[in-house]
Amino acid sequence: MVKRGFTLVEIVLVLIIISLLSTISLKLFYDLLLKRYQTKEKALLNLKATIALEQLNSLLLARVPGSFKAKNGLYEWLEAQEKEFYDGFVDMLPTIKTSNTLFTTSTYKKGEFGFVFDREVFEVNLKKDKIIFLKKKPKTIYEKYYLTTQALGVALAKDVKCENLKFNPNDLLLFYNYKPWKGEEVCDGKVSLLLEFVKEFNISWQGEVLKIEFLLSKKLNNKEIQLEKSLVVIF
């Protein structure tokens, strides 16, 4: 009995089928790994965005009321000092008789501050307890006031024109430690990275609350993953 072997055509067909199955398997495996990697990266973006939102929420809650302003993608406000060493009220009776000198019933920590009267900020140097001397006379004296030591700002790197700013255009930056009452601007302070891969960023008033919105976008192997995040700051 003569045993019949495989023909060349049959061997080629088997090799082609094995090659096709291997290619399909590899592609499926690659797509599975890529999807897993994208899911992991999206979860990481979500975590970083959540941390950034919570940080902004804390900073905005500690702002001087009425100091928030927005212009050309830059959002700024004054940080209110905790009222552990001042009560925030002017003693109006003796103050009316003076010009630049205000009297309070507080006990002060000595130092230089910004003194906020209804959105106006004045430079003060507190040297004596219960007495505030303003370097510039305010147009109107109000009973309520706040003390501040710095202004804060947040913006995308592409929306600010500061020299020697070494960040990517879609980096969200936090500016701090600058004093507008001394003529300083956002570029005069310090800066730190708040969040990467931010395609769009906005803070807006929604009735009586502030709404912070992010749109994050990151490319992975020519595929773009996007994530939207928002937070309402309730005062």
C-alpha atoms as a PDB file:
ATOM      1  CA  MET A   1       0.000   0.000   0.000  1.00  0.00           C
ATOM      2  CA  VAL A   2       1.425   3.354  -1.075  1.00  0.00           C
ATOM      3  CA  LYS A   3       1.185   6.171   1.550  1.00  0.00           C
ATOM      4  CA  ARG A   4       0.184   9.498   0.085  1.00  0.00           C
ATOM      5  CA  GLY A   5       1.915  12.635   1.494  1.00  0.00           C
ATOM      6  CA  PHE A   6       0.806  16.254   1.533  1.00  0.00           C
ATOM      7  CA  THR A   7       1.107  18.101  -1.676  1.00  0.00           C
ATOM      8  CA  LEU A   8       2.919  21.413  -1.869  1.00  0.00           C
ATOM      9  CA  VAL A   9      -0.367  23.231  -2.409  1.00  0.00           C
ATOM     10  CA  GLU A  10      -1.857  21.691   0.727  1.00  0.00           C
ATOM     11  CA  ILE A  11       1.171  22.675   2.797  1.00  0.00           C
ATOM     12  CA  VAL A  12       1.043  26.243   1.490  1.00  0.00           C
ATOM     13  CA  LEU A  13      -2.682  26.486   2.277  1.00  0.00           C
ATOM     14  CA  VAL A  14      -2.087  25.259   5.842  1.00  0.00           C
ATOM     15  CA  LEU A  15       0.699  27.793   6.327  1.00  0.00           C
ATOM     16  CA  ILE A  16      -1.516  30.579   4.999  1.00  0.00           C
ATOM     17  CA  ILE A  17      -4.342  29.594   7.377  1.00  0.00           C
ATOM     18  CA  ILE A  18      -1.943  29.439  10.358  1.00  0.00           C
ATOM     19  CA  SER A  19      -0.503  32.835   9.392  1.00  0.00           C
ATOM     20  CA  LEU A  20      -3.973  34.406   9.137  1.00  0.00           C
ATOM     21  CA  LEU A  21      -5.037  32.967  12.479  1.00  0.00           C
ATOM     22  CA  SER A  22      -1.828  34.233  14.112  1.00  0.00           C
ATOM     23  CA  THR A  23      -2.320  37.722  12.650  1.00  0.00           C
ATOM     24  CA  ILE A  24      -5.928  37.879  13.842  1.00  0.00           C
ATOM     25  CA  SER A  25      -4.965  36.589  17.294  1.00  0.00           C
ATOM     26  CA  LEU A  26      -2.134  39.101  17.633  1.00  0.00           C
ATOM     27  CA  LYS A  27      -4.388  41.958  16.563  1.00  0.00           C
ATOM     28  CA  LEU A  28      -7.075  40.934  19.036  1.00  0.00           C
ATOM     29  CA  PHE A  29      -4.464  40.634  21.777  1.00  0.00           C
ATOM     30  CA  TYR A  30      -2.988  44.045  20.878  1.00  0.00           C
ATOM     31  CA  ASP A  31      -6.441  45.677  20.841  1.00  0.00           C
ATOM     32  CA  LEU A  32      -7.189  44.123  24.231  1.00  0.00           C
ATOM     33  CA  LEU A  33      -3.932  45.440  25.706  1.00  0.00           C
ATOM     34  CA  LEU A  34      -4.508  48.882  24.165  1.00  0.00           C
ATOM     35  CA  LYS A  35      -8.057  49.072  25.523  1.00  0.00           C
ATOM     36  CA  ARG A  36      -6.824  48.035  28.956  1.00  0.00           C
ATOM     37  CA  TYR A  37      -4.081  50.680  28.807  1.00  0.00           C
ATOM     38  CA  GLN A  38      -6.562  53.359  27.702  1.00  0.00           C
ATOM     39  CA  THR A  39      -8.924  52.423  30.530  1.00  0.00           C
ATOM     40  CA  LYS A  40      -6.046  52.663  32.999  1.00  0.00           C
ATOM     41  CA  GLU A  41      -4.937  56.049  31.624  1.00  0.00           C
ATOM     42  CA  LYS A  42      -8.498  57.389  31.703  1.00  0.00           C
ATOM     43  CA  ALA A  43      -8.873  56.295  35.315  1.00  0.00           C
ATOM     44  CA  LEU A  44      -5.567  58.032  36.136  1.00  0.00           C
ATOM     45  CA  LEU A  45      -6.729  61.222  34.376  1.00  0.00           C
ATOM     46  CA  ASN A  46      -9.979  61.066  36.321  1.00  0.00           C
ATOM     47  CA  LEU A  47      -8.099  60.731  39.624  1.00  0.00           C
ATOM     48  CA  LYS A  48      -5.781  63.668  38.843  1.00  0.00           C
ATOM     49  CA  ALA A  49      -8.716  65.816  37.693  1.00  0.00           C
ATOM     50  CA  THR A  50     -10.641  65.011  40.881  1.00  0.00           C
ATOM     51  CA  ILE A  51      -7.639  66.021  43.026  1.00  0.00           C
ATOM     52  CA  ALA A  52      -7.261  69.279  41.057  1.00  0.00           C
ATOM     53  CA  LEU A  53     -10.972  70.053  41.438  1.00  0.00           C
ATOM     54  CA  GLU A  54     -10.852  69.482  45.185  1.00  0.00           C
ATOM     55  CA  GLN A  55      -7.783  71.701  45.482  1.00  0.00           C
ATOM     56  CA  LEU A  56      -9.473  74.499  43.535  1.00  0.00           C
ATOM     57  CA  ASN A  57     -12.613  74.054  45.601  1.00  0.00           C
ATOM     58  CA  SER A  58     -10.639  74.538  48.843  1.00  0.00           C
ATOM     59  CA  LEU A  59      -8.826  77.600  47.491  1.00  0.00           C
ATOM     60  CA  LEU A  60     -12.014  79.238  46.211  1.00  0.00           C
ATOM     61  CA  LEU A  61     -13.852  78.612  49.462  1.00  0.00           C
ATOM     62  CA  ALA A  62     -11.093  80.513  51.269  1.00  0.00           C
ATOM     63  CA  ARG A  63     -11.311  83.528  48.979  1.00  0.00           C
ATOM     64  CA  VAL A  64     -12.266  87.074  49.973  1.00  0.00           C
ATOM     65  CA  PRO A  65     -15.944  87.472  48.988  1.00  0.00           C
ATOM     66  CA  GLY A  66     -16.330  89.594  45.876  1.00  0.00           C
ATOM     67  CA  SER A  67     -12.671  89.283  44.875  1.00  0.00           C
ATOM     68  CA  PHE A  68     -13.133  86.655  42.136  1.00  0.00           C
ATOM     69  CA  LYS A  69     -12.631  87.956  38.593  1.00  0.00           C
ATOM     70  CA  ALA A  70     -12.122  86.415  35.159  1.00  0.00           C
ATOM     71  CA  LYS A  71     -10.467  87.853  32.062  1.00  0.00           C
ATOM     72  CA  ASN A  72      -9.177  86.175  28.888  1.00  0.00           C
ATOM     73  CA  GLY A  73      -8.910  82.713  30.419  1.00  0.00           C
ATOM     74  CA  LEU A  74      -7.262  83.894  33.657  1.00  0.00           C
ATOM     75  CA  TYR A  75      -9.243  83.486  36.895  1.00  0.00           C
ATOM     76  CA  GLU A  76      -8.038  85.389  39.974  1.00  0.00           C
ATOM     77  CA  TRP A  77      -9.096  85.966  43.568  1.00  0.00           C
ATOM     78  CA  LEU A  78      -7.703  87.093  46.927  1.00  0.00           C
ATOM     79  CA  GLU A  79      -7.048  84.591  49.676  1.00  0.00           C
ATOM     80  CA  ALA A  80      -8.739  85.573  52.935  1.00  0.00           C
ATOM     81  CA  GLN A  81      -6.727  85.254  56.121  1.00  0.00           C
ATOM     82  CA  GLU A  82      -8.303  83.030  58.740  1.00  0.00           C
ATOM     83  CA  LYS A  83     -10.036  85.107  61.392  1.00  0.00           C
ATOM     84  CA  GLU A  84      -8.112  83.667  64.291  1.00  0.00           C
ATOM     85  CA  PHE A  85      -6.387  86.974  65.016  1.00  0.00           C
ATOM     86  CA  TYR A  86      -8.903  89.574  63.784  1.00  0.00           C
ATOM     87  CA  ASP A  87     -12.674  89.936  63.862  1.00  0.00           C
ATOM     88  CA  GLY A  88     -13.158  91.715  60.537  1.00  0.00           C
ATOM     89  CA  PHE A  89     -15.087  94.727  61.830  1.00  0.00           C
ATOM     90  CA  VAL A  90     -14.098  98.392  62.058  1.00  0.00           C
ATOM     91  CA  ASP A  91     -15.057 100.410  65.119  1.00  0.00           C
ATOM     92  CA  MET A  92     -16.904 103.112  63.184  1.00  0.00           C
ATOM     93  CA  LEU A  93     -17.273 105.706  65.972  1.00  0.00           C
ATOM     94  CA  PRO A  94     -13.598 106.694  66.410  1.00  0.00           C
ATOM     95  CA  THR A  95     -12.751 105.843  62.794  1.00  0.00           C
ATOM     96  CA  ILE A  96     -15.072 108.482  61.334  1.00  0.00           C
ATOM     97  CA  LYS A  97     -13.002 111.218  62.972  1.00  0.00           C
ATOM     98  CA  THR A  98      -9.819 110.101  61.232  1.00  0.00           C
ATOM     99  CA  SER A  99      -8.630 109.848  57.655  1.00  0.00           C
ATOM    100  CA  ASN A 100      -6.331 106.894  57.032  1.00  0.00           C
ATOM    101  CA  THR A 101      -6.450 105.417  60.531  1.00  0.00           C
ATOM    102  CA  LEU A 102      -9.024 102.767  61.400  1.00  0.00           C
ATOM    103  CA  PHE A 103      -9.815 101.337  64.819  1.00  0.00           C
ATOM    104  CA  THR A 104     -10.981  97.830  65.629  1.00  0.00           C
ATOM    105  CA  THR A 105     -11.500  95.673  68.680  1.00  0.00           C
ATOM    106  CA  SER A 106      -9.240  92.923  67.323  1.00  0.00           C
ATOM    107  CA  THR A 107      -5.873  91.598  68.361  1.00  0.00           C
ATOM    108  CA  TYR A 108      -3.528  91.502  65.397  1.00  0.00           C
ATOM    109  CA  LYS A 109      -0.646  89.477  64.221  1.00  0.00           C
ATOM    110  CA  LYS A 110       2.004  91.930  63.075  1.00  0.00           C
ATOM    111  CA  GLY A 111       2.978  92.117  59.403  1.00  0.00           C
ATOM    112  CA  GLU A 112       2.084  93.410  55.961  1.00  0.00           C
ATOM    113  CA  PHE A 113      -1.328  92.667  54.552  1.00  0.00           C
ATOM    114  CA  GLY A 114      -3.753  93.619  51.870  1.00  0.00           C
ATOM    115  CA  PHE A 115      -6.756  95.304  53.481  1.00  0.00           C
ATOM    116  CA  VAL A 116      -9.981  94.662  51.538  1.00  0.00           C
ATOM    117  CA  PHE A 117     -12.912  97.065  51.628  1.00  0.00           C
ATOM    118  CA  ASP A 118     -15.730  96.061  49.254  1.00  0.00           C
ATOM    119  CA  ARG A 119     -13.444  94.907  46.382  1.00  0.00           C
ATOM    120  CA  GLU A 120     -10.893  97.662  46.965  1.00  0.00           C
ATOM    121  CA  VAL A 121      -7.517  96.524  48.292  1.00  0.00           C
ATOM    122  CA  PHE A 122      -5.187  98.762  50.328  1.00  0.00           C
ATOM    123  CA  GLU A 123      -1.662  98.183  51.560  1.00  0.00           C
ATOM    124  CA  VAL A 124      -1.320  98.109  55.337  1.00  0.00           C
ATOM    125  CA  ASN A 125       1.481  97.417  57.774  1.00  0.00           C
ATOM    126  CA  LEU A 126       0.077  96.316  61.102  1.00  0.00           C
ATOM    127  CA  LYS A 127       2.386  97.474  63.902  1.00  0.00           C
ATOM    128  CA  LYS A 128      -0.030  98.203  66.749  1.00  0.00           C
ATOM    129  CA  ASP A 129      -2.909  96.212  68.164  1.00  0.00           C
ATOM    130  CA  LYS A 130      -6.404  97.470  67.261  1.00  0.00           C
ATOM    131  CA  ILE A 131      -5.085 100.192  64.919  1.00  0.00           C
ATOM    132  CA  ILE A 132      -4.879  99.997  61.111  1.00  0.00           C
ATOM    133  CA  PHE A 133      -3.075 102.684  59.148  1.00  0.00           C
ATOM    134  CA  LEU A 134      -3.873 102.691  55.429  1.00  0.00           C
ATOM    135  CA  LYS A 135      -1.279 104.138  53.088  1.00  0.00           C
ATOM    136  CA  LYS A 136      -4.094 105.350  50.844  1.00  0.00           C
ATOM    137  CA  LYS A 137      -7.363 106.857  52.050  1.00  0.00           C
ATOM    138  CA  PRO A 138     -10.435 104.889  50.903  1.00  0.00           C
ATOM    139  CA  LYS A 139     -13.343 106.655  49.224  1.00  0.00           C
ATOM    140  CA  THR A 140     -15.788 104.977  51.580  1.00  0.00           C
ATOM    141  CA  ILE A 141     -15.245 103.296  54.937  1.00  0.00           C
ATOM    142  CA  TYR A 142     -17.221 100.118  55.552  1.00  0.00           C
ATOM    143  CA  GLU A 143     -17.696  98.275  58.802  1.00  0.00           C
ATOM    144  CA  LYS A 144     -16.806  94.910  57.290  1.00  0.00           C
ATOM    145  CA  TYR A 145     -13.278  94.158  56.032  1.00  0.00           C
ATOM    146  CA  TYR A 146     -10.940  91.271  55.207  1.00  0.00           C
ATOM    147  CA  LEU A 147      -7.192  90.789  55.410  1.00  0.00           C
ATOM    148  CA  THR A 148      -5.225  89.008  52.704  1.00  0.00           C
ATOM    149  CA  THR A 149      -1.581  88.135  52.124  1.00  0.00           C
ATOM    150  CA  GLN A 150      -1.702  86.968  48.519  1.00  0.00           C
ATOM    151  CA  ALA A 151      -3.658  86.743  45.312  1.00  0.00           C
ATOM    152  CA  LEU A 152      -4.215  83.447  43.510  1.00  0.00           C
ATOM    153  CA  GLY A 153      -4.785  82.783  39.841  1.00  0.00           C
ATOM    154  CA  VAL A 154      -5.449  79.765  37.640  1.00  0.00           C
ATOM    155  CA  ALA A 155      -5.159  79.510  33.859  1.00  0.00           C
ATOM    156  CA  LEU A 156      -3.970  77.342  31.000  1.00  0.00           C
ATOM    157  CA  ALA A 157      -0.350  78.021  30.079  1.00  0.00           C
ATOM    158  CA  LYS A 158      -1.435  79.094  26.585  1.00  0.00           C
ATOM    159  CA  ASP A 159      -3.673  81.832  28.058  1.00  0.00           C
ATOM    160  CA  VAL A 160      -0.972  83.689  30.010  1.00  0.00           C
ATOM    161  CA  LYS A 161       1.956  85.669  28.627  1.00  0.00           C
ATOM    162  CA  CYS A 162       4.681  85.275  31.227  1.00  0.00           C
ATOM    163  CA  GLU A 163       8.369  85.189  30.362  1.00  0.00           C
ATOM    164  CA  ASN A 164      10.334  81.994  31.091  1.00  0.00           C
ATOM    165  CA  LEU A 165       7.147  79.970  31.600  1.00  0.00           C
ATOM    166  CA  LYS A 166       8.344  76.450  30.781  1.00  0.00           C
ATOM    167  CA  PHE A 167       5.091  74.510  30.545  1.00  0.00           C
ATOM    168  CA  ASN A 168       3.085  72.844  27.813  1.00  0.00           C
ATOM    169  CA  PRO A 169       0.213  74.910  26.336  1.00  0.00           C
ATOM    170  CA  ASN A 170      -2.434  72.559  27.796  1.00  0.00           C
ATOM    171  CA  ASP A 171      -0.998  72.555  31.319  1.00  0.00           C
ATOM    172  CA  LEU A 172      -3.314  74.082  33.926  1.00  0.00           C
ATOM    173  CA  LEU A 173      -1.255  76.346  36.186  1.00  0.00           C
ATOM    174  CA  LEU A 174      -1.784  77.746  39.665  1.00  0.00           C
ATOM    175  CA  PHE A 175      -0.262  81.191  40.284  1.00  0.00           C
ATOM    176  CA  TYR A 176       0.202  82.384  43.875  1.00  0.00           C
ATOM    177  CA  ASN A 177       2.124  84.658  46.214  1.00  0.00           C
ATOM    178  CA  TYR A 178       1.651  87.928  44.331  1.00  0.00           C
ATOM    179  CA  LYS A 179       0.214  91.157  45.733  1.00  0.00           C
ATOM    180  CA  PRO A 180      -1.954  93.342  43.480  1.00  0.00           C
ATOM    181  CA  TRP A 181      -2.108  96.089  46.150  1.00  0.00           C
ATOM    182  CA  LYS A 182       1.646  96.499  45.626  1.00  0.00           C
ATOM    183  CA  GLY A 183       1.308  96.685  41.868  1.00  0.00           C
ATOM    184  CA  GLU A 184       2.238  93.041  41.309  1.00  0.00           C
ATOM    185  CA  GLU A 185       0.598  90.953  38.598  1.00  0.00           C
ATOM    186  CA  VAL A 186       0.104  87.238  38.072  1.00  0.00           C
ATOM    187  CA  CYS A 187       3.518  86.793  36.407  1.00  0.00           C
ATOM    188  CA  ASP A 188       5.256  88.352  39.433  1.00  0.00           C
ATOM    189  CA  GLY A 189       4.288  85.493  41.726  1.00  0.00           C
ATOM    190  CA  LYS A 190       5.151  81.813  41.894  1.00  0.00           C
ATOM    191  CA  VAL A 191       3.626  79.109  39.715  1.00  0.00           C
ATOM    192  CA  SER A 192       3.006  75.379  40.018  1.00  0.00           C
ATOM    193  CA  LEU A 193       1.483  72.729  37.772  1.00  0.00           C
ATOM    194  CA  LEU A 194      -2.081  71.881  38.732  1.00  0.00           C
ATOM    195  CA  LEU A 195      -3.119  69.477  35.952  1.00  0.00           C
ATOM    196  CA  GLU A 196      -1.856  68.243  32.561  1.00  0.00           C
ATOM    197  CA  PHE A 197      -3.676  67.534  29.271  1.00  0.00           C
ATOM    198  CA  VAL A 198      -6.395  70.150  29.815  1.00  0.00           C
ATOM    199  CA  LYS A 199      -7.947  70.988  26.449  1.00  0.00           C
ATOM    200  CA  GLU A 200     -10.596  73.341  27.854  1.00  0.00           C
ATOM    201  CA  PHE A 201     -11.021  74.989  31.256  1.00  0.00           C
ATOM    202  CA  ASN A 202     -13.645  77.326  32.608  1.00  0.00           C
ATOM    203  CA  ILE A 203     -14.905  78.791  35.890  1.00  0.00           C
ATOM    204  CA  SER A 204     -18.255  80.558  35.680  1.00  0.00           C
ATOM    205  CA  TRP A 205     -21.028  81.826  37.892  1.00  0.00           C
ATOM    206  CA  GLN A 206     -24.138  79.623  37.860  1.00  0.00           C
ATOM    207  CA  GLY A 207     -26.607  81.664  39.880  1.00  0.00           C
ATOM    208  CA  GLU A 208     -25.164  81.883  43.401  1.00  0.00           C
ATOM    209  CA  VAL A 209     -22.460  79.238  42.903  1.00  0.00           C
ATOM    210  CA  LEU A 210     -19.239  78.855  40.911  1.00  0.00           C
ATOM    211  CA  LYS A 211     -18.922  75.972  38.463  1.00  0.00           C
ATOM    212  CA  ILE A 212     -15.473  74.604  37.550  1.00  0.00           C
ATOM    213  CA  GLU A 213     -15.287  72.647  34.282  1.00  0.00           C
ATOM    214  CA  PHE A 214     -12.473  70.613  32.691  1.00  0.00           C
ATOM    215  CA  LEU A 215     -12.152  68.879  29.343  1.00  0.00           C
ATOM    216  CA  LEU A 216      -9.081  66.646  29.367  1.00  0.00           C
ATOM    217  CA  SER A 217      -7.637  65.147  26.190  1.00  0.00           C
ATOM    218  CA  LYS A 218      -4.681  62.771  25.797  1.00  0.00           C
ATOM    219  CA  LYS A 219      -3.411  60.900  22.731  1.00  0.00           C
ATOM    220  CA  LEU A 220      -2.397  57.263  23.075  1.00  0.00           C
ATOM    221  CA  ASN A 221      -1.060  55.498  19.961  1.00  0.00           C
ATOM    222  CA  ASN A 222      -2.905  57.888  17.636  1.00  0.00           C
ATOM    223  CA  LYS A 223      -6.127  57.441  19.595  1.00  0.00           C
ATOM    224  CA  GLU A 224      -7.523  60.291  21.673  1.00  0.00           C
ATOM    225  CA  ILE A 225      -9.109  59.718  25.045  1.00  0.00           C
ATOM    226  CA  GLN A 226     -11.240  62.505  26.496  1.00  0.00           C
ATOM    227  CA  LEU A 227     -12.672  63.124  29.925  1.00  0.00           C
ATOM    228  CA  GLU A 228     -15.080  65.789  31.162  1.00  0.00           C
ATOM    229  CA  LYS A 229     -15.102  66.801  34.828  1.00  0.00           C
ATOM    230  CA  SER A 230     -16.951  69.518  36.710  1.00  0.00           C
ATOM    231  CA  LEU A 231     -17.567  70.682  40.257  1.00  0.00           C
ATOM    232  CA  VAL A 232     -19.941  73.206  41.777  1.00  0.00           C
ATOM    233  CA  VAL A 233     -18.431  75.356  44.533  1.00  0.00           C
ATOM    234  CA  ILE A 234     -21.162  76.108  47.082  1.00  0.00           C
ATOM    235  CA  PHE A 235     -20.416  78.985  49.462  1.00  0.00           C
END
